Amino acid sequence: MERLGAVSLLKLKMLFNFENDGNAPPEALSTTLDRLQPGDRCEIESMGVEGPVGVRLEELGFLPGTEVRMVRRAPLGDPVVYELRGAQLCLRAREARSIHVRRLLR
């Protein structure tokens, strides 16, 4: 097994440790809704869900600029409960994977 160099290890730490010193690179903060962990907060950047499902998600409040918190996963991992605008909503991974977000540092 190949060992990681110091630079690669530093990049991994910056990408996955969002409680570092607040200087995580911007690309490390951009992700999709399905990659959040319980308690993570983010802001919606863009919606990639189209058709009737996309329209309904927008009606429910999934709009760019909206803050979202990942609450918990179902026992088998799907669906996931998210909290936004004072309500808790469940989304399947296939929909959450199409919602691009920016993580908010704690």
C-alpha atoms as a PDB file:
ATOM      1  CA  MET A   1       0.000   0.000   0.000  1.00  0.00           C
ATOM      2  CA  GLU A   2       1.370   3.394  -1.014  1.00  0.00           C
ATOM      3  CA  ARG A   3       1.894   5.917   1.754  1.00  0.00           C
ATOM      4  CA  LEU A   4       0.414   9.375   1.489  1.00  0.00           C
ATOM      5  CA  GLY A   5       2.850  12.254   1.313  1.00  0.00           C
ATOM      6  CA  ALA A   6       2.687  15.110   3.796  1.00  0.00           C
ATOM      7  CA  VAL A   7       1.055  17.416   1.237  1.00  0.00           C
ATOM      8  CA  SER A   8      -1.643  14.861   0.348  1.00  0.00           C
ATOM      9  CA  LEU A   9      -2.350  14.214   4.011  1.00  0.00           C
ATOM     10  CA  LEU A  10      -2.651  17.954   4.672  1.00  0.00           C
ATOM     11  CA  LYS A  11      -5.098  18.300   1.753  1.00  0.00           C
ATOM     12  CA  LEU A  12      -7.207  15.435   3.129  1.00  0.00           C
ATOM     13  CA  LYS A  13      -7.274  17.023   6.575  1.00  0.00           C
ATOM     14  CA  MET A  14      -8.366  20.359   5.116  1.00  0.00           C
ATOM     15  CA  LEU A  15     -11.058  18.716   2.976  1.00  0.00           C
ATOM     16  CA  PHE A  16     -12.589  16.615   5.711  1.00  0.00           C
ATOM     17  CA  ASN A  17     -11.941  18.557   8.909  1.00  0.00           C
ATOM     18  CA  PHE A  18     -14.297  21.521   8.775  1.00  0.00           C
ATOM     19  CA  GLU A  19     -13.621  22.509  12.353  1.00  0.00           C
ATOM     20  CA  ASN A  20      -9.986  23.297  11.583  1.00  0.00           C
ATOM     21  CA  ASP A  21      -9.092  26.980  11.840  1.00  0.00           C
ATOM     22  CA  GLY A  22     -11.819  28.294   9.531  1.00  0.00           C
ATOM     23  CA  ASN A  23      -9.447  28.466   6.587  1.00  0.00           C
ATOM     24  CA  ALA A  24     -10.751  25.471   4.639  1.00  0.00           C
ATOM     25  CA  PRO A  25     -10.526  26.048   0.883  1.00  0.00           C
ATOM     26  CA  PRO A  26     -13.851  27.018  -0.760  1.00  0.00           C
ATOM     27  CA  GLU A  27     -13.989  23.797  -2.802  1.00  0.00           C
ATOM     28  CA  ALA A  28     -13.889  21.833   0.460  1.00  0.00           C
ATOM     29  CA  LEU A  29     -17.070  23.540   1.589  1.00  0.00           C
ATOM     30  CA  SER A  30     -19.039  22.777  -1.599  1.00  0.00           C
ATOM     31  CA  THR A  31     -20.834  19.429  -1.689  1.00  0.00           C
ATOM     32  CA  THR A  32     -24.245  17.867  -2.195  1.00  0.00           C
ATOM     33  CA  LEU A  33     -26.986  17.517   0.412  1.00  0.00           C
ATOM     34  CA  ASP A  34     -26.644  13.715   0.589  1.00  0.00           C
ATOM     35  CA  ARG A  35     -23.050  13.965   1.900  1.00  0.00           C
ATOM     36  CA  LEU A  36     -23.897  15.788   5.126  1.00  0.00           C
ATOM     37  CA  GLN A  37     -23.628  14.161   8.542  1.00  0.00           C
ATOM     38  CA  PRO A  38     -26.091  14.611  11.442  1.00  0.00           C
ATOM     39  CA  GLY A  39     -25.810  18.137  12.829  1.00  0.00           C
ATOM     40  CA  ASP A  40     -24.102  19.569   9.726  1.00  0.00           C
ATOM     41  CA  ARG A  41     -25.463  22.881   8.499  1.00  0.00           C
ATOM     42  CA  CYS A  42     -25.322  24.178   4.955  1.00  0.00           C
ATOM     43  CA  GLU A  43     -26.767  26.726   2.576  1.00  0.00           C
ATOM     44  CA  ILE A  44     -28.345  25.665  -0.710  1.00  0.00           C
ATOM     45  CA  GLU A  45     -26.354  26.897  -3.716  1.00  0.00           C
ATOM     46  CA  SER A  46     -28.343  25.365  -6.573  1.00  0.00           C
ATOM     47  CA  MET A  47     -31.009  22.798  -7.354  1.00  0.00           C
ATOM     48  CA  GLY A  48     -30.398  20.091  -9.933  1.00  0.00           C
ATOM     49  CA  VAL A  49     -33.769  18.387  -9.474  1.00  0.00           C
ATOM     50  CA  GLU A  50     -36.060  18.961 -12.442  1.00  0.00           C
ATOM     51  CA  GLY A  51     -39.669  18.271 -13.298  1.00  0.00           C
ATOM     52  CA  PRO A  52     -42.532  17.946 -10.818  1.00  0.00           C
ATOM     53  CA  VAL A  53     -40.227  16.781  -8.010  1.00  0.00           C
ATOM     54  CA  GLY A  54     -38.017  19.852  -8.404  1.00  0.00           C
ATOM     55  CA  VAL A  55     -41.031  22.170  -8.410  1.00  0.00           C
ATOM     56  CA  ARG A  56     -42.410  20.520  -5.265  1.00  0.00           C
ATOM     57  CA  LEU A  57     -39.054  20.775  -3.456  1.00  0.00           C
ATOM     58  CA  GLU A  58     -38.926  24.479  -4.277  1.00  0.00           C
ATOM     59  CA  GLU A  59     -42.473  24.883  -2.959  1.00  0.00           C
ATOM     60  CA  LEU A  60     -41.376  23.181   0.264  1.00  0.00           C
ATOM     61  CA  GLY A  61     -38.549  25.709   0.690  1.00  0.00           C
ATOM     62  CA  PHE A  62     -35.523  24.103  -0.970  1.00  0.00           C
ATOM     63  CA  LEU A  63     -34.375  27.355  -2.588  1.00  0.00           C
ATOM     64  CA  PRO A  64     -30.905  28.849  -3.124  1.00  0.00           C
ATOM     65  CA  GLY A  65     -29.803  30.726  -0.015  1.00  0.00           C
ATOM     66  CA  THR A  66     -31.890  28.614   2.377  1.00  0.00           C
ATOM     67  CA  GLU A  67     -30.070  27.226   5.416  1.00  0.00           C
ATOM     68  CA  VAL A  68     -30.531  23.477   5.963  1.00  0.00           C
ATOM     69  CA  ARG A  69     -29.501  21.214   8.852  1.00  0.00           C
ATOM     70  CA  MET A  70     -29.132  17.459   8.508  1.00  0.00           C
ATOM     71  CA  VAL A  71     -31.037  15.928  11.443  1.00  0.00           C
ATOM     72  CA  ARG A  72     -30.761  12.130  11.106  1.00  0.00           C
ATOM     73  CA  ARG A  73     -30.755   9.165   8.762  1.00  0.00           C
ATOM     74  CA  ALA A  74     -33.265   6.326   8.725  1.00  0.00           C
ATOM     75  CA  PRO A  75     -31.906   3.069  10.202  1.00  0.00           C
ATOM     76  CA  LEU A  76     -31.039   1.728   6.736  1.00  0.00           C
ATOM     77  CA  GLY A  77     -29.558   5.072   5.631  1.00  0.00           C
ATOM     78  CA  ASP A  78     -32.345   6.338   3.371  1.00  0.00           C
ATOM     79  CA  PRO A  79     -34.368   8.593   3.617  1.00  0.00           C
ATOM     80  CA  VAL A  80     -32.737  11.422   5.553  1.00  0.00           C
ATOM     81  CA  VAL A  81     -34.435  14.060   7.711  1.00  0.00           C
ATOM     82  CA  TYR A  82     -33.474  17.677   7.022  1.00  0.00           C
ATOM     83  CA  GLU A  83     -34.591  20.795   8.875  1.00  0.00           C
ATOM     84  CA  LEU A  84     -35.214  24.026   6.995  1.00  0.00           C
ATOM     85  CA  ARG A  85     -37.381  27.069   7.618  1.00  0.00           C
ATOM     86  CA  GLY A  86     -38.678  25.591  10.892  1.00  0.00           C
ATOM     87  CA  ALA A  87     -39.894  22.315   9.365  1.00  0.00           C
ATOM     88  CA  GLN A  88     -38.425  18.829   9.154  1.00  0.00           C
ATOM     89  CA  LEU A  89     -38.620  17.056   5.794  1.00  0.00           C
ATOM     90  CA  CYS A  90     -37.416  13.673   4.540  1.00  0.00           C
ATOM     91  CA  LEU A  91     -35.605  13.287   1.235  1.00  0.00           C
ATOM     92  CA  ARG A  92     -34.349  10.217  -0.566  1.00  0.00           C
ATOM     93  CA  ALA A  93     -30.668  10.150  -1.492  1.00  0.00           C
ATOM     94  CA  ARG A  94     -31.445  10.440  -5.227  1.00  0.00           C
ATOM     95  CA  GLU A  95     -33.065  13.854  -4.694  1.00  0.00           C
ATOM     96  CA  ALA A  96     -30.537  15.038  -2.088  1.00  0.00           C
ATOM     97  CA  ARG A  97     -27.682  14.122  -4.451  1.00  0.00           C
ATOM     98  CA  SER A  98     -28.951  16.754  -6.916  1.00  0.00           C
ATOM     99  CA  ILE A  99     -29.034  19.628  -4.420  1.00  0.00           C
ATOM    100  CA  HIS A 100     -25.705  21.490  -4.315  1.00  0.00           C
ATOM    101  CA  VAL A 101     -24.854  23.124  -1.015  1.00  0.00           C
ATOM    102  CA  ARG A 102     -22.096  25.030   0.770  1.00  0.00           C
ATOM    103  CA  ARG A 103     -21.237  23.770   4.234  1.00  0.00           C
ATOM    104  CA  LEU A 104     -21.454  26.305   7.030  1.00  0.00           C
ATOM    105  CA  LEU A 105     -18.689  26.178   9.597  1.00  0.00           C
ATOM    106  CA  ARG A 106     -19.806  25.700  13.176  1.00  0.00           C
END
